N, C-alpha and C. Protein backbone atom coordinates (compact mmCIF):
# COMPACT_ATOMS: atom_id res chain seq x y z
N UNK A 1 38.18 136.79 41.72
CA UNK A 1 39.27 136.38 41.23
C UNK A 1 40.09 137.68 40.80
N UNK A 2 40.86 138.11 41.37
CA UNK A 2 41.30 139.22 41.37
C UNK A 2 43.60 138.77 41.44
N UNK A 3 43.40 138.41 40.16
CA UNK A 3 44.76 137.67 40.37
C UNK A 3 45.65 138.59 38.83
N UNK A 4 47.11 138.47 39.35
CA UNK A 4 47.96 139.23 37.85
C UNK A 4 48.10 138.32 36.96
N UNK A 5 47.83 137.36 36.66
CA UNK A 5 47.82 136.04 36.10
C UNK A 5 46.81 135.42 35.33
N UNK A 6 46.69 135.26 34.51
CA UNK A 6 45.47 134.43 34.00
C UNK A 6 45.37 133.02 34.46
N UNK A 7 46.51 132.26 34.34
CA UNK A 7 47.00 131.05 35.01
C UNK A 7 46.61 130.96 36.37
N UNK A 8 47.12 131.67 37.19
CA UNK A 8 46.82 131.66 38.61
C UNK A 8 45.80 130.64 39.45
N UNK A 9 46.49 129.54 39.63
CA UNK A 9 45.54 128.49 40.51
C UNK A 9 44.76 127.76 39.61
N UNK A 10 45.03 127.36 37.97
CA UNK A 10 44.56 127.00 37.14
C UNK A 10 45.26 125.44 37.01
N UNK A 11 44.42 124.49 36.73
CA UNK A 11 45.07 123.03 36.39
C UNK A 11 45.09 123.51 34.90
N UNK A 12 46.29 122.72 34.48
CA UNK A 12 46.32 122.87 33.18
C UNK A 12 46.74 121.67 32.54
N UNK A 13 46.98 121.50 31.31
CA UNK A 13 47.18 120.42 30.06
C UNK A 13 48.44 120.41 29.38
N UNK A 14 49.70 120.19 29.62
CA UNK A 14 50.50 119.75 28.53
C UNK A 14 50.69 118.64 27.73
N UNK A 15 50.38 118.80 26.48
CA UNK A 15 51.00 117.52 25.57
C UNK A 15 52.16 117.91 24.71
N UNK A 16 52.73 116.58 24.21
CA UNK A 16 53.95 116.41 23.53
C UNK A 16 53.27 116.34 22.04
N UNK A 17 53.98 117.37 21.53
CA UNK A 17 53.80 117.22 19.91
C UNK A 17 54.55 116.07 19.29
N UNK A 18 55.43 115.36 19.83
CA UNK A 18 56.10 114.04 19.51
C UNK A 18 55.63 113.23 19.90
N UNK A 19 55.44 113.01 21.05
CA UNK A 19 54.50 111.31 21.41
C UNK A 19 53.31 111.21 21.64
N UNK A 20 52.75 112.65 22.11
CA UNK A 20 51.34 113.14 22.35
C UNK A 20 51.44 112.61 23.96
N UNK A 21 52.16 112.26 24.85
CA UNK A 21 52.22 112.17 26.04
C UNK A 21 51.40 113.54 26.54
N UNK A 22 50.55 113.38 27.48
CA UNK A 22 49.59 114.48 28.21
C UNK A 22 49.98 114.44 29.89
N UNK A 23 50.09 115.76 29.89
CA UNK A 23 49.98 115.52 31.71
C UNK A 23 49.24 116.83 32.40
N UNK A 24 48.57 117.02 33.51
CA UNK A 24 47.89 117.90 34.02
C UNK A 24 48.84 118.28 35.20
N UNK A 25 48.80 120.06 35.12
CA UNK A 25 50.13 120.31 36.32
C UNK A 25 48.73 121.33 36.68
N UNK A 26 49.00 121.65 38.13
CA UNK A 26 48.35 122.48 38.93
C UNK A 26 49.65 123.89 39.17
N UNK A 27 48.88 125.13 38.83
CA UNK A 27 49.70 126.45 39.23
C UNK A 27 49.20 126.71 40.60
N UNK A 28 49.98 126.15 41.32
CA UNK A 28 49.78 126.43 42.99
C UNK A 28 50.12 127.87 43.62
N UNK A 29 50.24 129.09 42.07
CA UNK A 29 50.50 130.46 43.03
C UNK A 29 49.71 131.23 41.93
N UNK A 30 49.95 132.94 42.22
CA UNK A 30 49.38 133.83 41.25
C UNK A 30 51.13 133.92 40.78
N UNK A 31 51.48 133.10 39.69
CA UNK A 31 52.41 133.55 38.82
C UNK A 31 52.20 132.66 37.27
N UNK A 32 53.26 133.16 36.65
CA UNK A 32 53.27 132.77 35.18
C UNK A 32 53.85 130.96 35.05
N UNK A 33 53.67 130.86 34.12
CA UNK A 33 53.74 129.29 33.60
C UNK A 33 54.26 129.31 32.34
N UNK A 34 55.55 128.16 31.78
CA UNK A 34 55.65 127.96 30.72
C UNK A 34 54.86 127.87 29.63
N UNK A 35 54.76 128.24 28.31
CA UNK A 35 53.82 127.85 27.43
C UNK A 35 54.13 126.41 26.72
N UNK A 36 55.86 126.15 27.16
CA UNK A 36 56.22 124.42 26.57
C UNK A 36 57.56 124.36 27.68
N UNK A 37 57.55 123.60 27.65
CA UNK A 37 58.81 122.68 28.57
C UNK A 37 59.03 121.21 27.83
N UNK A 38 60.28 120.62 28.11
CA UNK A 38 60.63 119.42 27.62
C UNK A 38 59.55 118.13 27.78
N UNK A 39 59.44 117.26 26.92
CA UNK A 39 58.93 116.18 27.58
C UNK A 39 59.14 115.51 28.69
N UNK A 40 58.14 115.20 29.65
CA UNK A 40 58.73 114.48 30.86
C UNK A 40 58.54 112.81 30.96
N UNK A 41 58.18 112.63 29.55
CA UNK A 41 58.01 110.75 29.37
C UNK A 41 59.36 110.20 28.89
N UNK A 42 59.67 109.16 29.84
CA UNK A 42 61.00 109.00 29.64
C UNK A 42 61.52 107.97 28.09
N UNK A 43 62.61 108.65 27.55
CA UNK A 43 62.99 108.47 26.36
C UNK A 43 62.42 109.37 25.36
N UNK A 44 61.51 110.42 25.57
CA UNK A 44 61.34 111.14 24.51
C UNK A 44 61.94 112.72 24.47
N UNK A 45 62.44 112.90 23.51
CA UNK A 45 63.18 114.54 23.33
C UNK A 45 62.14 115.42 22.86
N UNK A 46 60.79 115.29 22.73
CA UNK A 46 59.96 116.44 22.34
C UNK A 46 59.49 117.47 23.27
N UNK A 47 58.71 117.92 22.78
CA UNK A 47 58.15 119.63 23.58
C UNK A 47 56.94 119.31 24.23
N UNK A 48 56.85 119.64 25.28
CA UNK A 48 55.06 119.70 25.61
C UNK A 48 54.52 121.04 25.92
N UNK A 49 53.43 121.23 25.14
CA UNK A 49 52.97 122.42 25.29
C UNK A 49 51.55 122.45 25.91
N UNK A 50 51.83 123.89 26.29
CA UNK A 50 50.46 124.29 27.20
C UNK A 50 49.32 123.92 25.77
N UNK A 51 48.27 122.92 26.18
CA UNK A 51 47.55 123.15 25.25
C UNK A 51 45.95 123.40 25.97
N UNK A 52 44.84 123.11 24.85
CA UNK A 52 43.28 123.71 25.63
C UNK A 52 43.02 124.75 26.65
N UNK A 53 43.98 125.75 26.44
CA UNK A 53 43.91 126.76 27.34
C UNK A 53 42.45 126.79 27.80
N UNK A 54 41.63 127.31 27.06
CA UNK A 54 39.77 127.37 27.33
C UNK A 54 39.53 126.45 28.21
N UNK A 55 40.31 125.36 28.31
CA UNK A 55 39.72 124.20 29.39
C UNK A 55 40.38 124.30 30.85
N UNK A 56 41.60 125.39 30.72
CA UNK A 56 42.04 125.35 32.24
C UNK A 56 41.10 125.60 33.10
N UNK A 57 41.19 124.46 33.95
CA UNK A 57 40.04 125.18 35.29
C UNK A 57 41.24 126.09 36.34
N UNK A 58 39.82 126.68 36.82
CA UNK A 58 40.75 127.77 38.04
C UNK A 58 40.05 126.93 39.22
N UNK A 59 41.34 126.79 40.32
CA UNK A 59 40.89 125.95 40.96
C UNK A 59 41.76 126.56 42.50
N UNK A 60 41.42 127.78 43.08
CA UNK A 60 41.91 128.09 44.05
C UNK A 60 42.57 127.50 45.28
N UNK A 61 41.14 126.69 45.62
CA UNK A 61 41.42 125.79 46.61
C UNK A 61 42.00 124.31 46.58
N UNK A 62 42.38 124.00 45.65
CA UNK A 62 42.69 122.44 45.14
C UNK A 62 43.96 121.88 45.86
N UNK A 63 43.63 120.92 46.51
CA UNK A 63 44.45 119.90 47.36
C UNK A 63 44.77 119.07 46.35
N UNK A 64 46.42 119.41 45.93
CA UNK A 64 46.99 117.94 45.46
C UNK A 64 46.97 116.81 45.82
N UNK A 65 46.89 115.53 44.93
CA UNK A 65 46.92 114.18 45.71
C UNK A 65 48.38 113.75 45.42
N UNK A 66 49.06 112.97 45.99
CA UNK A 66 50.27 112.28 46.02
C UNK A 66 50.73 111.95 44.67
N UNK A 67 51.67 112.51 44.11
CA UNK A 67 52.41 112.27 42.28
C UNK A 67 51.68 113.21 41.46
N UNK A 68 50.93 114.27 42.07
CA UNK A 68 50.74 115.45 40.92
C UNK A 68 51.48 115.99 41.11
N UNK A 69 51.57 117.16 40.22
CA UNK A 69 52.70 117.94 39.21
C UNK A 69 51.66 119.44 39.49
N UNK A 70 52.80 120.22 40.17
CA UNK A 70 52.61 121.52 40.37
C UNK A 70 53.76 122.45 40.21
N UNK A 71 53.26 123.79 39.64
CA UNK A 71 53.97 124.61 39.48
C UNK A 71 54.10 125.44 40.57
N UNK A 72 55.53 126.10 41.39
CA UNK A 72 55.74 126.66 42.66
C UNK A 72 56.85 127.80 41.93
N UNK A 73 56.82 128.79 42.55
CA UNK A 73 57.76 130.00 42.46
C UNK A 73 59.63 128.88 42.81
N UNK A 74 60.70 129.00 42.13
CA UNK A 74 61.70 128.76 41.84
C UNK A 74 62.27 128.97 43.29
N UNK A 75 62.69 127.83 44.22
CA UNK A 75 63.14 128.24 45.33
C UNK A 75 64.50 128.88 45.06
N UNK A 76 64.93 129.49 46.27
CA UNK A 76 66.29 130.74 46.26
C UNK A 76 67.42 129.95 46.00
N UNK A 77 67.41 128.84 46.99
CA UNK A 77 68.43 127.58 47.24
C UNK A 77 68.90 127.00 45.80
N UNK A 78 67.91 126.91 44.90
CA UNK A 78 68.36 126.21 43.48
C UNK A 78 69.00 126.95 42.91
N UNK A 79 68.90 128.55 43.15
CA UNK A 79 69.55 129.68 41.94
C UNK A 79 71.56 129.20 41.46
N UNK A 80 72.01 128.94 42.44
CA UNK A 80 73.44 128.86 42.50
C UNK A 80 73.71 127.26 41.58
N UNK A 81 73.28 126.05 42.11
CA UNK A 81 73.33 124.80 41.68
C UNK A 81 72.81 124.80 40.31
N UNK A 82 71.65 125.30 40.00
CA UNK A 82 71.55 125.64 38.54
C UNK A 82 72.74 126.02 37.78
N UNK A 83 72.72 127.49 37.98
CA UNK A 83 74.17 128.10 37.43
C UNK A 83 75.49 127.00 37.39
N UNK A 84 75.73 126.10 38.50
CA UNK A 84 76.97 125.27 38.36
C UNK A 84 76.48 124.20 36.93
N UNK A 85 75.32 124.18 37.23
CA UNK A 85 74.70 122.81 35.93
C UNK A 85 74.69 123.85 34.90
N UNK A 86 74.30 124.79 34.50
CA UNK A 86 74.48 125.42 32.78
C UNK A 86 75.62 125.71 32.73
N UNK A 87 77.14 126.05 33.74
CA UNK A 87 77.96 126.12 33.16
C UNK A 87 79.04 124.57 33.09
N UNK A 88 78.58 123.60 33.71
CA UNK A 88 79.15 122.61 33.62
C UNK A 88 78.97 122.09 31.81
N UNK A 89 77.79 122.57 31.43
CA UNK A 89 77.09 121.80 29.89
C UNK A 89 78.35 122.44 29.03
N UNK A 90 79.30 123.40 29.68
CA UNK A 90 80.15 124.02 28.44
C UNK A 90 81.42 123.43 28.75
N UNK A 91 81.61 122.64 29.60
CA UNK A 91 83.21 122.17 29.78
C UNK A 91 83.30 121.35 28.43
N UNK A 92 85.00 121.55 27.85
CA UNK A 92 85.39 121.43 26.68
C UNK A 92 84.95 121.89 25.62
N UNK A 93 84.02 123.38 25.97
CA UNK A 93 83.71 124.03 24.56
C UNK A 93 84.60 125.50 25.06
N UNK A 94 84.42 126.06 24.02
CA UNK A 94 84.78 127.67 23.44
C UNK A 94 84.23 128.43 25.19
N UNK A 95 82.81 128.07 25.32
CA UNK A 95 82.32 129.19 25.95
C UNK A 95 82.43 128.65 27.71
N UNK A 96 83.10 127.85 28.05
CA UNK A 96 83.39 127.66 29.49
C UNK A 96 84.25 128.58 30.04
N UNK A 97 83.97 129.23 30.92
CA UNK A 97 84.49 130.33 31.44
C UNK A 97 85.67 129.53 32.00
N UNK A 98 86.95 130.92 31.91
CA UNK A 98 88.09 130.65 32.55
C UNK A 98 88.34 130.91 34.07
N UNK A 99 88.89 130.09 34.83
CA UNK A 99 88.95 129.85 36.39
C UNK A 99 88.81 131.63 37.20
N UNK A 100 89.09 132.43 36.34
CA UNK A 100 89.54 133.73 36.93
C UNK A 100 88.28 134.50 37.23
N UNK A 101 87.44 134.39 36.20
CA UNK A 101 85.85 134.80 36.19
C UNK A 101 84.82 133.98 36.68
N UNK A 102 85.21 132.55 37.05
CA UNK A 102 84.20 131.70 37.27
C UNK A 102 83.44 131.87 38.21
N UNK A 103 83.56 132.07 39.39
CA UNK A 103 82.45 132.54 40.35
C UNK A 103 82.34 133.94 39.84
N UNK A 104 82.12 135.32 39.36
CA UNK A 104 81.34 136.31 39.11
C UNK A 104 80.54 135.50 37.88
N UNK A 105 80.98 134.50 36.67
CA UNK A 105 79.85 134.04 36.09
C UNK A 105 78.84 133.10 36.81
N UNK A 106 79.04 132.23 37.50
CA UNK A 106 78.26 131.88 38.30
C UNK A 106 76.70 132.65 39.12
N UNK A 107 77.74 133.73 39.82
CA UNK A 107 76.91 134.42 40.57
C UNK A 107 76.12 135.12 39.62
N UNK A 108 76.53 135.86 38.50
CA UNK A 108 75.34 136.41 37.41
C UNK A 108 74.45 135.71 36.82
N UNK A 109 74.94 134.38 36.56
CA UNK A 109 74.01 133.12 36.02
C UNK A 109 72.48 133.27 37.21
N UNK A 110 73.28 133.09 38.45
CA UNK A 110 72.37 132.53 39.63
C UNK A 110 71.21 133.53 39.45
N UNK A 111 71.83 134.72 39.80
CA UNK A 111 70.94 135.98 39.78
C UNK A 111 70.20 136.42 38.77
N UNK A 112 70.12 135.66 37.43
CA UNK A 112 69.58 135.65 36.04
C UNK A 112 68.18 135.19 36.31
N UNK A 113 67.93 134.38 37.21
CA UNK A 113 66.78 133.87 37.72
C UNK A 113 65.62 134.79 37.93
N UNK A 114 64.83 134.70 37.73
CA UNK A 114 63.84 135.77 37.99
C UNK A 114 62.89 135.50 39.07
N UNK A 115 62.41 136.26 40.29
CA UNK A 115 61.55 136.34 41.28
C UNK A 115 60.26 135.92 41.05
N UNK A 116 60.16 134.83 41.58
CA UNK A 116 58.34 133.68 41.25
C UNK A 116 58.40 133.19 39.67
N UNK A 117 59.97 132.63 39.36
CA UNK A 117 60.37 131.73 38.24
C UNK A 117 59.78 130.54 38.17
N UNK A 118 58.69 130.09 37.16
CA UNK A 118 58.18 128.68 37.56
C UNK A 118 59.09 127.56 38.05
N UNK A 119 58.82 126.87 39.03
CA UNK A 119 59.64 125.29 38.92
C UNK A 119 58.68 124.62 38.96
N UNK A 120 58.59 123.27 38.41
CA UNK A 120 57.79 121.99 38.78
C UNK A 120 58.37 120.89 39.26
N UNK A 121 57.65 120.51 40.49
CA UNK A 121 57.38 119.66 41.14
C UNK A 121 56.40 118.52 40.97
N UNK A 122 56.72 117.59 42.08
CA UNK A 122 55.60 116.72 41.88
C UNK A 122 55.51 116.54 43.52
N UNK A 123 53.97 116.52 43.96
CA UNK A 123 54.09 116.73 45.41
C UNK A 123 53.85 114.98 46.00
N UNK A 124 54.56 115.16 46.72
CA UNK A 124 54.93 113.54 47.34
C UNK A 124 53.67 113.51 48.39
N UNK A 125 53.14 114.30 49.08
CA UNK A 125 52.59 114.29 50.42
C UNK A 125 51.27 113.24 50.08
N UNK A 126 50.56 113.10 51.55
CA UNK A 126 49.86 112.54 51.64
C UNK A 126 48.88 112.82 53.00
N UNK A 127 47.94 111.56 53.51
CA UNK A 127 47.34 111.94 54.52
C UNK A 127 48.41 112.29 55.79
N UNK A 128 49.41 111.75 56.07
CA UNK A 128 50.40 111.85 56.96
C UNK A 128 50.96 113.35 56.71
N UNK A 129 51.50 113.54 55.57
CA UNK A 129 52.00 115.04 55.21
C UNK A 129 51.20 115.91 55.37
N UNK A 130 49.54 115.94 55.18
CA UNK A 130 48.59 116.83 55.76
C UNK A 130 49.22 116.68 57.05
N UNK A 131 48.72 116.13 58.11
CA UNK A 131 48.78 115.92 59.36
C UNK A 131 49.78 116.60 59.65
N UNK A 132 51.22 116.31 59.21
CA UNK A 132 52.35 117.17 59.27
C UNK A 132 52.60 119.03 58.87
N UNK A 133 51.26 118.99 58.19
CA UNK A 133 51.22 120.35 57.40
C UNK A 133 50.54 121.09 58.19
N UNK A 134 49.51 120.62 58.70
CA UNK A 134 48.67 120.89 59.48
C UNK A 134 49.09 121.37 60.86
N UNK A 135 49.89 120.34 61.56
CA UNK A 135 51.08 120.68 62.53
C UNK A 135 51.63 121.78 62.35
N UNK A 136 52.58 122.09 61.28
CA UNK A 136 53.58 123.07 60.72
C UNK A 136 53.04 124.28 60.95
N UNK A 137 51.74 124.37 60.02
CA UNK A 137 50.99 125.48 60.33
C UNK A 137 50.48 126.19 61.59
N UNK A 138 50.41 125.58 62.67
CA UNK A 138 50.05 126.25 63.94
C UNK A 138 51.37 126.74 64.74
N UNK A 139 52.68 125.61 64.18
CA UNK A 139 53.71 126.33 64.67
C UNK A 139 54.00 127.49 64.27
N UNK A 140 54.18 127.80 63.08
CA UNK A 140 53.97 129.03 62.15
C UNK A 140 53.36 130.31 62.85
N UNK A 141 52.17 129.79 62.92
CA UNK A 141 50.98 130.74 63.52
C UNK A 141 51.66 131.37 64.86
N UNK A 142 52.46 130.20 65.62
CA UNK A 142 52.60 130.67 66.71
C UNK A 142 54.32 131.53 66.36
N UNK A 143 55.00 131.65 65.89
CA UNK A 143 56.31 132.02 65.47
C UNK A 143 56.44 132.98 64.54
N UNK A 144 55.25 133.34 63.74
CA UNK A 144 55.87 134.14 62.66
C UNK A 144 54.61 135.44 63.24
N UNK A 145 55.03 136.89 62.90
CA UNK A 145 54.08 138.15 63.50
C UNK A 145 53.05 137.82 62.75
N UNK A 146 51.94 137.93 63.35
CA UNK A 146 50.58 138.14 62.87
C UNK A 146 50.52 138.71 61.75
N UNK A 147 50.92 139.83 61.56
CA UNK A 147 50.29 140.52 60.53
C UNK A 147 51.47 140.68 59.05
N UNK A 148 52.40 139.33 59.21
CA UNK A 148 53.00 138.54 58.39
C UNK A 148 52.07 137.65 57.69
N UNK A 149 51.42 137.00 59.10
CA UNK A 149 50.92 135.62 58.38
C UNK A 149 49.28 136.16 57.75
N UNK A 150 49.00 137.12 58.26
CA UNK A 150 47.65 137.32 57.58
C UNK A 150 48.04 137.79 56.53
N UNK A 151 48.97 139.16 56.14
CA UNK A 151 49.22 139.42 54.81
C UNK A 151 49.68 138.71 53.71
N UNK A 152 50.22 137.53 54.21
CA UNK A 152 50.68 136.32 53.12
C UNK A 152 49.73 135.39 52.95
N UNK A 153 48.90 135.22 54.05
CA UNK A 153 47.63 133.97 53.78
C UNK A 153 46.68 134.16 54.14
N UNK A 154 46.03 135.72 54.36
CA UNK A 154 44.45 136.18 54.50
C UNK A 154 43.90 135.49 55.37
N UNK A 155 42.83 135.02 54.73
CA UNK A 155 41.92 134.26 56.14
C UNK A 155 42.16 132.55 56.44
N UNK A 156 42.97 132.39 55.74
CA UNK A 156 42.92 130.94 55.14
C UNK A 156 44.00 130.15 56.45
N UNK A 157 44.48 131.09 57.07
CA UNK A 157 45.74 130.36 58.08
C UNK A 157 45.14 129.36 58.92
N UNK A 158 45.70 128.12 58.93
CA UNK A 158 45.24 127.01 59.67
C UNK A 158 44.71 125.71 58.51
N UNK A 159 44.21 126.05 57.40
CA UNK A 159 43.62 125.22 56.57
C UNK A 159 44.57 124.39 55.86
N UNK A 160 44.37 123.29 55.36
CA UNK A 160 45.52 122.42 54.45
C UNK A 160 46.23 122.92 53.29
N UNK A 161 44.81 124.14 53.04
CA UNK A 161 45.35 124.41 51.31
C UNK A 161 46.57 125.66 52.00
N UNK A 162 46.33 126.58 53.00
CA UNK A 162 47.41 127.44 53.28
C UNK A 162 48.47 126.95 53.65
N UNK A 163 48.52 125.82 54.45
CA UNK A 163 49.63 125.11 54.25
C UNK A 163 50.55 124.65 53.30
N UNK A 164 49.91 124.22 52.39
CA UNK A 164 50.44 123.95 51.10
C UNK A 164 51.23 125.19 50.84
N UNK A 165 50.68 126.44 50.42
CA UNK A 165 51.16 127.38 50.37
C UNK A 165 52.37 127.90 50.98
N UNK A 166 52.14 127.49 52.20
CA UNK A 166 53.50 127.84 53.55
C UNK A 166 54.75 127.27 52.76
N UNK A 167 54.35 125.95 52.93
CA UNK A 167 55.26 125.16 52.29
C UNK A 167 55.85 125.19 51.21
N UNK A 168 55.00 125.04 49.94
CA UNK A 168 55.19 125.74 48.59
C UNK A 168 55.86 127.33 48.21
N UNK A 169 56.01 127.83 48.96
CA UNK A 169 56.10 129.35 49.27
C UNK A 169 57.04 129.71 50.03
N UNK A 170 57.02 129.42 51.22
CA UNK A 170 58.44 130.13 51.97
C UNK A 170 59.23 128.93 52.21
N UNK A 171 59.15 127.43 52.70
CA UNK A 171 60.30 126.58 52.70
C UNK A 171 60.98 126.37 51.45
N UNK A 172 60.13 125.38 50.83
CA UNK A 172 60.70 124.84 49.71
C UNK A 172 62.43 124.25 49.80
N UNK A 173 62.08 123.35 51.19
CA UNK A 173 63.30 122.70 51.57
C UNK A 173 63.37 120.90 51.22
N UNK A 174 62.30 120.86 50.40
CA UNK A 174 62.63 119.26 49.77
C UNK A 174 61.95 118.40 50.60
N UNK A 175 61.21 118.77 52.11
CA UNK A 175 60.85 117.56 52.77
C UNK A 175 59.62 117.26 52.10
N UNK A 176 58.87 117.95 51.77
CA UNK A 176 57.72 117.39 51.13
C UNK A 176 57.72 117.04 49.28
N UNK A 177 58.75 117.66 48.89
CA UNK A 177 58.62 117.53 46.86
C UNK A 177 59.74 116.46 46.87
N UNK A 178 60.32 115.90 45.60
CA UNK A 178 60.97 115.49 45.19
C UNK A 178 62.23 116.29 44.46
N UNK A 179 63.48 115.62 44.07
CA UNK A 179 64.16 116.87 43.32
C UNK A 179 63.66 117.00 41.64
N UNK A 180 63.62 118.37 41.24
CA UNK A 180 62.93 118.11 40.28
C UNK A 180 63.94 118.07 39.43
N UNK A 181 63.35 117.63 37.78
CA UNK A 181 64.33 117.91 36.42
C UNK A 181 64.90 119.27 35.87
N UNK A 182 65.89 119.39 35.33
CA UNK A 182 65.94 120.73 34.97
C UNK A 182 64.82 120.78 33.71
N UNK A 183 64.48 122.19 33.65
CA UNK A 183 63.54 122.65 33.19
C UNK A 183 64.44 123.18 31.63
N UNK A 184 63.50 123.33 30.35
CA UNK A 184 63.71 124.10 29.49
C UNK A 184 63.37 125.38 29.74
N UNK A 185 64.08 126.20 29.32
CA UNK A 185 63.29 128.05 29.24
C UNK A 185 62.11 128.20 28.51
N UNK A 186 61.43 128.56 28.61
CA UNK A 186 59.95 129.13 27.96
C UNK A 186 60.54 130.59 27.21
């Protein structure tokens, strides 16, 4: 286990300090995760904290079940829509940018999201998805330079876990994930 982040590939528990709702979330990458986030229980405005850190389970070969929550790297394709959503929150306030600087403001906000920013998704896959992902892995091995695939995925090329990592890290095009909710910054 030689990772940059202690929470790499860990199954973690988040608990709301207001309603007590608990959820397990798997970190599908070697990246940081939020200490806290808005409670995902409908109708609750509480904050869910990462709790029981000592009980985090290191599961690098974990295959999520349909409905499981996963942290992935935020897709680049979401940066501008999130910037627009953030600016829209200021309509009718003194903080809403004038039209002549709107595009620059949006660009700056979109650029403020860090590489590897955590993003929460709900895994929708099942056996059909794993079969589709295995087929996708075969096509990727044919289409991508071998050095790229080897460097990116190591010895795991072709396994369902490798395909999961391809899908969550490279494509993030919404084919296997639901649209995530807005997340609070940590």
